[in-house]
Amino acid sequence: ANYADSVKGRFTISGDNAKNTVYLQ
């Protein structure tokens, strides 16, 4: 994954392929 500087360290992206869903914490 990669992040824009404005959100780096605060946002986390993750994926659950079994649920076919991506999350943004």
mmCIF file of all heavy atoms, coordinates in Angstrom:
data_MODEL
# 
_entry.id   MODEL 
# 
loop_
_atom_site.group_PDB 
_atom_site.id 
_atom_site.type_symbol 
_atom_site.label_atom_id 
_atom_site.label_alt_id 
_atom_site.label_comp_id 
_atom_site.label_asym_id 
_atom_site.label_entity_id 
_atom_site.label_seq_id 
_atom_site.pdbx_PDB_ins_code 
_atom_site.Cartn_x 
_atom_site.Cartn_y 
_atom_site.Cartn_z 
_atom_site.occupancy 
_atom_site.B_iso_or_equiv 
_atom_site.pdbx_formal_charge 
_atom_site.auth_seq_id 
_atom_site.auth_comp_id 
_atom_site.auth_asym_id 
_atom_site.auth_atom_id 
_atom_site.pdbx_PDB_model_num 
ATOM 1   N N   . ALA A 1 1  ? 0.833   -1.190  0.000  1.00 0.00 ? 1  ALA A N   1 
ATOM 2   C CA  . ALA A 1 1  ? 0.000   0.000   0.000  1.00 0.00 ? 1  ALA A CA  1 
ATOM 3   C C   . ALA A 1 1  ? 0.869   1.241   0.000  1.00 0.00 ? 1  ALA A C   1 
ATOM 4   O O   . ALA A 1 1  ? 2.050   1.194   0.384  1.00 0.00 ? 1  ALA A O   1 
ATOM 5   C CB  . ALA A 1 1  ? -0.914  -0.003  1.220  1.00 0.00 ? 1  ALA A CB  1 
ATOM 6   N N   . ASN A 1 2  ? 0.282   2.346   -0.419 1.00 0.00 ? 2  ASN A N   1 
ATOM 7   C CA  . ASN A 1 2  ? 0.975   3.631   -0.296 1.00 0.00 ? 2  ASN A CA  1 
ATOM 8   C C   . ASN A 1 2  ? -0.032  4.717   0.061  1.00 0.00 ? 2  ASN A C   1 
ATOM 9   O O   . ASN A 1 2  ? -1.259  4.530   -0.054 1.00 0.00 ? 2  ASN A O   1 
ATOM 10  C CB  . ASN A 1 2  ? 1.772   3.979   -1.553 1.00 0.00 ? 2  ASN A CB  1 
ATOM 11  C CG  . ASN A 1 2  ? 1.022   3.715   -2.840 1.00 0.00 ? 2  ASN A CG  1 
ATOM 12  O OD1 . ASN A 1 2  ? -0.117  4.142   -2.976 1.00 0.00 ? 2  ASN A OD1 1 
ATOM 13  N ND2 . ASN A 1 2  ? 1.647   3.038   -3.768 1.00 0.00 ? 2  ASN A ND2 1 
ATOM 14  N N   . TYR A 1 3  ? 0.507   5.855   0.518  1.00 0.00 ? 3  TYR A N   1 
ATOM 15  C CA  . TYR A 1 3  ? -0.316  6.906   1.091  1.00 0.00 ? 3  TYR A CA  1 
ATOM 16  C C   . TYR A 1 3  ? 0.164   8.270   0.640  1.00 0.00 ? 3  TYR A C   1 
ATOM 17  O O   . TYR A 1 3  ? 1.364   8.488   0.444  1.00 0.00 ? 3  TYR A O   1 
ATOM 18  C CB  . TYR A 1 3  ? -0.234  6.861   2.627  1.00 0.00 ? 3  TYR A CB  1 
ATOM 19  C CG  . TYR A 1 3  ? -0.684  5.553   3.216  1.00 0.00 ? 3  TYR A CG  1 
ATOM 20  C CD1 . TYR A 1 3  ? 0.210   4.504   3.408  1.00 0.00 ? 3  TYR A CD1 1 
ATOM 21  C CD2 . TYR A 1 3  ? -2.022  5.357   3.576  1.00 0.00 ? 3  TYR A CD2 1 
ATOM 22  C CE1 . TYR A 1 3  ? -0.210  3.296   3.941  1.00 0.00 ? 3  TYR A CE1 1 
ATOM 23  C CE2 . TYR A 1 3  ? -2.441  4.150   4.116  1.00 0.00 ? 3  TYR A CE2 1 
ATOM 24  C CZ  . TYR A 1 3  ? -1.530  3.127   4.286  1.00 0.00 ? 3  TYR A CZ  1 
ATOM 25  O OH  . TYR A 1 3  ? -1.948  1.929   4.807  1.00 0.00 ? 3  TYR A OH  1 
ATOM 26  N N   . ALA A 1 4  ? -0.786  9.172   0.525  1.00 0.00 ? 4  ALA A N   1 
ATOM 27  C CA  . ALA A 1 4  ? -0.427  10.571  0.315  1.00 0.00 ? 4  ALA A CA  1 
ATOM 28  C C   . ALA A 1 4  ? 0.201   11.125  1.589  1.00 0.00 ? 4  ALA A C   1 
ATOM 29  O O   . ALA A 1 4  ? -0.116  10.681  2.690  1.00 0.00 ? 4  ALA A O   1 
ATOM 30  C CB  . ALA A 1 4  ? -1.670  11.368  -0.060 1.00 0.00 ? 4  ALA A CB  1 
ATOM 31  N N   . ASP A 1 5  ? 1.072   12.115  1.424  1.00 0.00 ? 5  ASP A N   1 
ATOM 32  C CA  . ASP A 1 5  ? 1.760   12.682  2.580  1.00 0.00 ? 5  ASP A CA  1 
ATOM 33  C C   . ASP A 1 5  ? 0.778   13.244  3.615  1.00 0.00 ? 5  ASP A C   1 
ATOM 34  O O   . ASP A 1 5  ? 1.048   13.206  4.814  1.00 0.00 ? 5  ASP A O   1 
ATOM 35  C CB  . ASP A 1 5  ? 2.712   13.785  2.125  1.00 0.00 ? 5  ASP A CB  1 
ATOM 36  C CG  . ASP A 1 5  ? 3.926   13.234  1.388  1.00 0.00 ? 5  ASP A CG  1 
ATOM 37  O OD1 . ASP A 1 5  ? 4.207   12.020  1.511  1.00 0.00 ? 5  ASP A OD1 1 
ATOM 38  O OD2 . ASP A 1 5  ? 4.582   14.016  0.680  1.00 0.00 ? 5  ASP A OD2 1 
ATOM 39  N N   . SER A 1 6  ? -0.341  13.748  3.146  1.00 0.00 ? 6  SER A N   1 
ATOM 40  C CA  . SER A 1 6  ? -1.308  14.398  4.041  1.00 0.00 ? 6  SER A CA  1 
ATOM 41  C C   . SER A 1 6  ? -1.953  13.434  5.031  1.00 0.00 ? 6  SER A C   1 
ATOM 42  O O   . SER A 1 6  ? -2.490  13.858  6.059  1.00 0.00 ? 6  SER A O   1 
ATOM 43  C CB  . SER A 1 6  ? -2.396  15.096  3.223  1.00 0.00 ? 6  SER A CB  1 
ATOM 44  O OG  . SER A 1 6  ? -3.051  14.157  2.383  1.00 0.00 ? 6  SER A OG  1 
ATOM 45  N N   . VAL A 1 7  ? -1.909  12.130  4.745  1.00 0.00 ? 7  VAL A N   1 
ATOM 46  C CA  . VAL A 1 7  ? -2.556  11.152  5.624  1.00 0.00 ? 7  VAL A CA  1 
ATOM 47  C C   . VAL A 1 7  ? -1.596  10.112  6.170  1.00 0.00 ? 7  VAL A C   1 
ATOM 48  O O   . VAL A 1 7  ? -1.990  9.278   6.989  1.00 0.00 ? 7  VAL A O   1 
ATOM 49  C CB  . VAL A 1 7  ? -3.731  10.440  4.916  1.00 0.00 ? 7  VAL A CB  1 
ATOM 50  C CG1 . VAL A 1 7  ? -4.711  11.457  4.358  1.00 0.00 ? 7  VAL A CG1 1 
ATOM 51  C CG2 . VAL A 1 7  ? -3.219  9.512   3.814  1.00 0.00 ? 7  VAL A CG2 1 
ATOM 52  N N   . LYS A 1 8  ? -0.357  10.167  5.742  1.00 0.00 ? 8  LYS A N   1 
ATOM 53  C CA  . LYS A 1 8  ? 0.632   9.162   6.151  1.00 0.00 ? 8  LYS A CA  1 
ATOM 54  C C   . LYS A 1 8  ? 0.776   9.161   7.674  1.00 0.00 ? 8  LYS A C   1 
ATOM 55  O O   . LYS A 1 8  ? 0.912   10.214  8.290  1.00 0.00 ? 8  LYS A O   1 
ATOM 56  C CB  . LYS A 1 8  ? 1.964   9.451   5.468  1.00 0.00 ? 8  LYS A CB  1 
ATOM 57  C CG  . LYS A 1 8  ? 2.897   8.269   5.356  1.00 0.00 ? 8  LYS A CG  1 
ATOM 58  C CD  . LYS A 1 8  ? 4.076   8.615   4.464  1.00 0.00 ? 8  LYS A CD  1 
ATOM 59  C CE  . LYS A 1 8  ? 3.678   8.790   3.018  1.00 0.00 ? 8  LYS A CE  1 
ATOM 60  N NZ  . LYS A 1 8  ? 4.835   9.050   2.128  1.00 0.00 ? 8  LYS A NZ  1 
ATOM 61  N N   . GLY A 1 9  ? 0.743   7.985   8.254  1.00 0.00 ? 9  GLY A N   1 
ATOM 62  C CA  . GLY A 1 9  ? 0.848   7.849   9.697  1.00 0.00 ? 9  GLY A CA  1 
ATOM 63  C C   . GLY A 1 9  ? -0.473  7.951   10.429 1.00 0.00 ? 9  GLY A C   1 
ATOM 64  O O   . GLY A 1 9  ? -0.543  7.639   11.627 1.00 0.00 ? 9  GLY A O   1 
ATOM 65  N N   . ARG A 1 10 ? -1.518  8.384   9.747  1.00 0.00 ? 10 ARG A N   1 
ATOM 66  C CA  . ARG A 1 10 ? -2.841  8.507   10.382 1.00 0.00 ? 10 ARG A CA  1 
ATOM 67  C C   . ARG A 1 10 ? -3.857  7.546   9.777  1.00 0.00 ? 10 ARG A C   1 
ATOM 68  O O   . ARG A 1 10 ? -4.754  7.073   10.478 1.00 0.00 ? 10 ARG A O   1 
ATOM 69  C CB  . ARG A 1 10 ? -3.359  9.941   10.239 1.00 0.00 ? 10 ARG A CB  1 
ATOM 70  C CG  . ARG A 1 10 ? -2.481  10.987  10.871 1.00 0.00 ? 10 ARG A CG  1 
ATOM 71  C CD  . ARG A 1 10 ? -3.145  12.365  10.868 1.00 0.00 ? 10 ARG A CD  1 
ATOM 72  N NE  . ARG A 1 10 ? -3.418  12.849  9.515  1.00 0.00 ? 10 ARG A NE  1 
ATOM 73  C CZ  . ARG A 1 10 ? -4.634  13.183  9.074  1.00 0.00 ? 10 ARG A CZ  1 
ATOM 74  N NH1 . ARG A 1 10 ? -5.670  13.086  9.860  1.00 0.00 ? 10 ARG A NH1 1 
ATOM 75  N NH2 . ARG A 1 10 ? -4.790  13.647  7.840  1.00 0.00 ? 10 ARG A NH2 1 
ATOM 76  N N   . PHE A 1 11 ? -3.745  7.292   8.479  1.00 0.00 ? 11 PHE A N   1 
ATOM 77  C CA  . PHE A 1 11 ? -4.696  6.419   7.779  1.00 0.00 ? 11 PHE A CA  1 
ATOM 78  C C   . PHE A 1 11 ? -4.011  5.090   7.466  1.00 0.00 ? 11 PHE A C   1 
ATOM 79  O O   . PHE A 1 11 ? -2.814  5.042   7.163  1.00 0.00 ? 11 PHE A O   1 
ATOM 80  C CB  . PHE A 1 11 ? -5.151  7.045   6.464  1.00 0.00 ? 11 PHE A CB  1 
ATOM 81  C CG  . PHE A 1 11 ? -6.052  8.240   6.604  1.00 0.00 ? 11 PHE A CG  1 
ATOM 82  C CD1 . PHE A 1 11 ? -6.246  8.884   7.827  1.00 0.00 ? 11 PHE A CD1 1 
ATOM 83  C CD2 . PHE A 1 11 ? -6.716  8.748   5.486  1.00 0.00 ? 11 PHE A CD2 1 
ATOM 84  C CE1 . PHE A 1 11 ? -7.076  9.980   7.939  1.00 0.00 ? 11 PHE A CE1 1 
ATOM 85  C CE2 . PHE A 1 11 ? -7.542  9.853   5.589  1.00 0.00 ? 11 PHE A CE2 1 
ATOM 86  C CZ  . PHE A 1 11 ? -7.715  10.473  6.814  1.00 0.00 ? 11 PHE A CZ  1 
ATOM 87  N N   . THR A 1 12 ? -4.794  4.017   7.504  1.00 0.00 ? 12 THR A N   1 
ATOM 88  C CA  . THR A 1 12 ? -4.298  2.698   7.145  1.00 0.00 ? 12 THR A CA  1 
ATOM 89  C C   . THR A 1 12 ? -5.296  2.017   6.222  1.00 0.00 ? 12 THR A C   1 
ATOM 90  O O   . THR A 1 12 ? -6.478  1.909   6.570  1.00 0.00 ? 12 THR A O   1 
ATOM 91  C CB  . THR A 1 12 ? -4.081  1.820   8.390  1.00 0.00 ? 12 THR A CB  1 
ATOM 92  O OG1 . THR A 1 12 ? -3.180  2.469   9.292  1.00 0.00 ? 12 THR A OG1 1 
ATOM 93  C CG2 . THR A 1 12 ? -3.501  0.465   7.992  1.00 0.00 ? 12 THR A CG2 1 
ATOM 94  N N   . ILE A 1 13 ? -4.814  1.561   5.076  1.00 0.00 ? 13 ILE A N   1 
ATOM 95  C CA  . ILE A 1 13 ? -5.664  0.853   4.124  1.00 0.00 ? 13 ILE A CA  1 
ATOM 96  C C   . ILE A 1 13 ? -5.396  -0.647  4.268  1.00 0.00 ? 13 ILE A C   1 
ATOM 97  O O   . ILE A 1 13 ? -4.259  -1.079  4.506  1.00 0.00 ? 13 ILE A O   1 
ATOM 98  C CB  . ILE A 1 13 ? -5.391  1.332   2.685  1.00 0.00 ? 13 ILE A CB  1 
ATOM 99  C CG1 . ILE A 1 13 ? -6.463  0.821   1.724  1.00 0.00 ? 13 ILE A CG1 1 
ATOM 100 C CG2 . ILE A 1 13 ? -3.987  0.966   2.224  1.00 0.00 ? 13 ILE A CG2 1 
ATOM 101 C CD1 . ILE A 1 13 ? -6.374  1.460   0.334  1.00 0.00 ? 13 ILE A CD1 1 
ATOM 102 N N   . SER A 1 14 ? -6.447  -1.430  4.154  1.00 0.00 ? 14 SER A N   1 
ATOM 103 C CA  . SER A 1 14 ? -6.299  -2.883  4.233  1.00 0.00 ? 14 SER A CA  1 
ATOM 104 C C   . SER A 1 14 ? -7.365  -3.546  3.381  1.00 0.00 ? 14 SER A C   1 
ATOM 105 O O   . SER A 1 14 ? -8.379  -2.917  3.045  1.00 0.00 ? 14 SER A O   1 
ATOM 106 C CB  . SER A 1 14 ? -6.409  -3.359  5.686  1.00 0.00 ? 14 SER A CB  1 
ATOM 107 O OG  . SER A 1 14 ? -7.676  -3.052  6.234  1.00 0.00 ? 14 SER A OG  1 
ATOM 108 N N   . GLY A 1 15 ? -7.130  -4.793  3.046  1.00 0.00 ? 15 GLY A N   1 
ATOM 109 C CA  . GLY A 1 15 ? -8.074  -5.511  2.213  1.00 0.00 ? 15 GLY A CA  1 
ATOM 110 C C   . GLY A 1 15 ? -8.404  -6.872  2.783  1.00 0.00 ? 15 GLY A C   1 
ATOM 111 O O   . GLY A 1 15 ? -7.569  -7.499  3.434  1.00 0.00 ? 15 GLY A O   1 
ATOM 112 N N   . ASP A 1 16 ? -9.616  -7.310  2.565  1.00 0.00 ? 16 ASP A N   1 
ATOM 113 C CA  . ASP A 1 16 ? -10.057 -8.656  2.932  1.00 0.00 ? 16 ASP A CA  1 
ATOM 114 C C   . ASP A 1 16 ? -10.598 -9.290  1.664  1.00 0.00 ? 16 ASP A C   1 
ATOM 115 O O   . ASP A 1 16 ? -11.768 -9.064  1.297  1.00 0.00 ? 16 ASP A O   1 
ATOM 116 C CB  . ASP A 1 16 ? -11.128 -8.579  4.022  1.00 0.00 ? 16 ASP A CB  1 
ATOM 117 C CG  . ASP A 1 16 ? -11.527 -9.952  4.540  1.00 0.00 ? 16 ASP A CG  1 
ATOM 118 O OD1 . ASP A 1 16 ? -11.332 -10.953 3.818  1.00 0.00 ? 16 ASP A OD1 1 
ATOM 119 O OD2 . ASP A 1 16 ? -12.038 -10.023 5.668  1.00 0.00 ? 16 ASP A OD2 1 
ATOM 120 N N   . ASN A 1 17 ? -9.765  -10.043 0.990  1.00 0.00 ? 17 ASN A N   1 
ATOM 121 C CA  . ASN A 1 17 ? -10.174 -10.611 -0.298 1.00 0.00 ? 17 ASN A CA  1 
ATOM 122 C C   . ASN A 1 17 ? -11.315 -11.612 -0.142 1.00 0.00 ? 17 ASN A C   1 
ATOM 123 O O   . ASN A 1 17 ? -12.131 -11.773 -1.054 1.00 0.00 ? 17 ASN A O   1 
ATOM 124 C CB  . ASN A 1 17 ? -8.982  -11.257 -0.993 1.00 0.00 ? 17 ASN A CB  1 
ATOM 125 C CG  . ASN A 1 17 ? -8.036  -10.234 -1.590 1.00 0.00 ? 17 ASN A CG  1 
ATOM 126 O OD1 . ASN A 1 17 ? -8.229  -9.021  -1.408 1.00 0.00 ? 17 ASN A OD1 1 
ATOM 127 N ND2 . ASN A 1 17 ? -7.008  -10.688 -2.272 1.00 0.00 ? 17 ASN A ND2 1 
ATOM 128 N N   . ALA A 1 18 ? -11.395 -12.270 1.009  1.00 0.00 ? 18 ALA A N   1 
ATOM 129 C CA  . ALA A 1 18 ? -12.486 -13.217 1.233  1.00 0.00 ? 18 ALA A CA  1 
ATOM 130 C C   . ALA A 1 18 ? -13.835 -12.500 1.258  1.00 0.00 ? 18 ALA A C   1 
ATOM 131 O O   . ALA A 1 18 ? -14.854 -13.050 0.830  1.00 0.00 ? 18 ALA A O   1 
ATOM 132 C CB  . ALA A 1 18 ? -12.263 -13.975 2.528  1.00 0.00 ? 18 ALA A CB  1 
ATOM 133 N N   . LYS A 1 19 ? -13.825 -11.269 1.746  1.00 0.00 ? 19 LYS A N   1 
ATOM 134 C CA  . LYS A 1 19 ? -15.061 -10.472 1.794  1.00 0.00 ? 19 LYS A CA  1 
ATOM 135 C C   . LYS A 1 19 ? -15.152 -9.514  0.614  1.00 0.00 ? 19 LYS A C   1 
ATOM 136 O O   . LYS A 1 19 ? -16.135 -8.765  0.509  1.00 0.00 ? 19 LYS A O   1 
ATOM 137 C CB  . LYS A 1 19 ? -15.131 -9.675  3.098  1.00 0.00 ? 19 LYS A CB  1 
ATOM 138 C CG  . LYS A 1 19 ? -15.239 -10.543 4.337  1.00 0.00 ? 19 LYS A CG  1 
ATOM 139 C CD  . LYS A 1 19 ? -15.380 -9.687  5.588  1.00 0.00 ? 19 LYS A CD  1 
ATOM 140 C CE  . LYS A 1 19 ? -15.550 -10.564 6.824  1.00 0.00 ? 19 LYS A CE  1 
ATOM 141 N NZ  . LYS A 1 19 ? -15.686 -9.755  8.071  1.00 0.00 ? 19 LYS A NZ  1 
ATOM 142 N N   . ASN A 1 20 ? -14.116 -9.520  -0.236 1.00 0.00 ? 20 ASN A N   1 
ATOM 143 C CA  . ASN A 1 20 ? -14.104 -8.618  -1.398 1.00 0.00 ? 20 ASN A CA  1 
ATOM 144 C C   . ASN A 1 20 ? -14.305 -7.166  -0.978 1.00 0.00 ? 20 ASN A C   1 
ATOM 145 O O   . ASN A 1 20 ? -15.050 -6.398  -1.618 1.00 0.00 ? 20 ASN A O   1 
ATOM 146 C CB  . ASN A 1 20 ? -15.175 -9.027  -2.416 1.00 0.00 ? 20 ASN A CB  1 
ATOM 147 C CG  . ASN A 1 20 ? -14.624 -9.131  -3.823 1.00 0.00 ? 20 ASN A CG  1 
ATOM 148 O OD1 . ASN A 1 20 ? -13.450 -9.427  -4.026 1.00 0.00 ? 20 ASN A OD1 1 
ATOM 149 N ND2 . ASN A 1 20 ? -15.472 -8.869  -4.799 1.00 0.00 ? 20 ASN A ND2 1 
ATOM 150 N N   . THR A 1 21 ? -13.633 -6.797  0.101  1.00 0.00 ? 21 THR A N   1 
ATOM 151 C CA  . THR A 1 21 ? -13.821 -5.485  0.703  1.00 0.00 ? 21 THR A CA  1 
ATOM 152 C C   . THR A 1 21 ? -12.471 -4.872  1.060  1.00 0.00 ? 21 THR A C   1 
ATOM 153 O O   . THR A 1 21 ? -11.562 -5.581  1.505  1.00 0.00 ? 21 THR A O   1 
ATOM 154 C CB  . THR A 1 21 ? -14.702 -5.592  1.967  1.00 0.00 ? 21 THR A CB  1 
ATOM 155 O OG1 . THR A 1 21 ? -15.989 -6.123  1.596  1.00 0.00 ? 21 THR A OG1 1 
ATOM 156 C CG2 . THR A 1 21 ? -14.900 -4.231  2.625  1.00 0.00 ? 21 THR A CG2 1 
ATOM 157 N N   . VAL A 1 22 ? -12.359 -3.571  0.864  1.00 0.00 ? 22 VAL A N   1 
ATOM 158 C CA  . VAL A 1 22 ? -11.189 -2.803  1.266  1.00 0.00 ? 22 VAL A CA  1 
ATOM 159 C C   . VAL A 1 22 ? -11.625 -1.787  2.306  1.00 0.00 ? 22 VAL A C   1 
ATOM 160 O O   . VAL A 1 22 ? -12.720 -1.226  2.204  1.00 0.00 ? 22 VAL A O   1 
ATOM 161 C CB  . VAL A 1 22 ? -10.545 -2.121  0.048  1.00 0.00 ? 22 VAL A CB  1 
ATOM 162 C CG1 . VAL A 1 22 ? -9.482  -1.124  0.479  1.00 0.00 ? 22 VAL A CG1 1 
ATOM 163 C CG2 . VAL A 1 22 ? -9.934  -3.163  -0.882 1.00 0.00 ? 22 VAL A CG2 1 
ATOM 164 N N   . TYR A 1 23 ? -10.767 -1.574  3.287  1.00 0.00 ? 23 TYR A N   1 
ATOM 165 C CA  . TYR A 1 23 ? -11.078 -0.670  4.387  1.00 0.00 ? 23 TYR A CA  1 
ATOM 166 C C   . TYR A 1 23 ? -10.078 0.483   4.420  1.00 0.00 ? 23 TYR A C   1 
ATOM 167 O O   . TYR A 1 23 ? -8.930  0.352   4.005  1.00 0.00 ? 23 TYR A O   1 
ATOM 168 C CB  . TYR A 1 23 ? -10.999 -1.421  5.719  1.00 0.00 ? 23 TYR A CB  1 
ATOM 169 C CG  . TYR A 1 23 ? -11.876 -2.639  5.777  1.00 0.00 ? 23 TYR A CG  1 
ATOM 170 C CD1 . TYR A 1 23 ? -11.361 -3.905  5.519  1.00 0.00 ? 23 TYR A CD1 1 
ATOM 171 C CD2 . TYR A 1 23 ? -13.239 -2.519  6.068  1.00 0.00 ? 23 TYR A CD2 1 
ATOM 172 C CE1 . TYR A 1 23 ? -12.176 -5.033  5.562  1.00 0.00 ? 23 TYR A CE1 1 
ATOM 173 C CE2 . TYR A 1 23 ? -14.052 -3.650  6.112  1.00 0.00 ? 23 TYR A CE2 1 
ATOM 174 C CZ  . TYR A 1 23 ? -13.517 -4.898  5.851  1.00 0.00 ? 23 TYR A CZ  1 
ATOM 175 O OH  . TYR A 1 23 ? -14.321 -6.007  5.889  1.00 0.00 ? 23 TYR A OH  1 
ATOM 176 N N   . LEU A 1 24 ? -10.533 1.596   4.954  1.00 0.00 ? 24 LEU A N   1 
ATOM 177 C CA  . LEU A 1 24 ? -9.650  2.726   5.234  1.00 0.00 ? 24 LEU A CA  1 
ATOM 178 C C   . LEU A 1 24 ? -9.885  3.122   6.682  1.00 0.00 ? 24 LEU A C   1 
ATOM 179 O O   . LEU A 1 24 ? -10.926 3.694   7.008  1.00 0.00 ? 24 LEU A O   1 
ATOM 180 C CB  . LEU A 1 24 ? -9.922  3.901   4.294  1.00 0.00 ? 24 LEU A CB  1 
ATOM 181 C CG  . LEU A 1 24 ? -8.952  5.065   4.438  1.00 0.00 ? 24 LEU A CG  1 
ATOM 182 C CD1 . LEU A 1 24 ? -7.552  4.674   3.956  1.00 0.00 ? 24 LEU A CD1 1 
ATOM 183 C CD2 . LEU A 1 24 ? -9.448  6.290   3.657  1.00 0.00 ? 24 LEU A CD2 1 
ATOM 184 N N   . GLN A 1 25 ? -8.926  2.790   7.531  1.00 0.00 ? 25 GLN A N   1 
ATOM 185 C CA  . GLN A 1 25 ? -8.980  3.190   8.933  1.00 0.00 ? 25 GLN A CA  1 
ATOM 186 C C   . GLN A 1 25 ? -8.381  4.571   9.066  1.00 0.00 ? 25 GLN A C   1 
ATOM 187 O O   . GLN A 1 25 ? -7.224  4.780   8.697  1.00 0.00 ? 25 GLN A O   1 
ATOM 188 C CB  . GLN A 1 25 ? -8.205  2.186   9.798  1.00 0.00 ? 25 GLN A CB  1 
ATOM 189 C CG  . GLN A 1 25 ? -8.149  2.549   11.261 1.00 0.00 ? 25 GLN A CG  1 
ATOM 190 C CD  . GLN A 1 25 ? -9.512  2.462   11.941 1.00 0.00 ? 25 GLN A CD  1 
ATOM 191 O OE1 . GLN A 1 25 ? -10.263 1.529   11.716 1.00 0.00 ? 25 GLN A OE1 1 
ATOM 192 N NE2 . GLN A 1 25 ? -9.824  3.454   12.770 1.00 0.00 ? 25 GLN A NE2 1 
# 
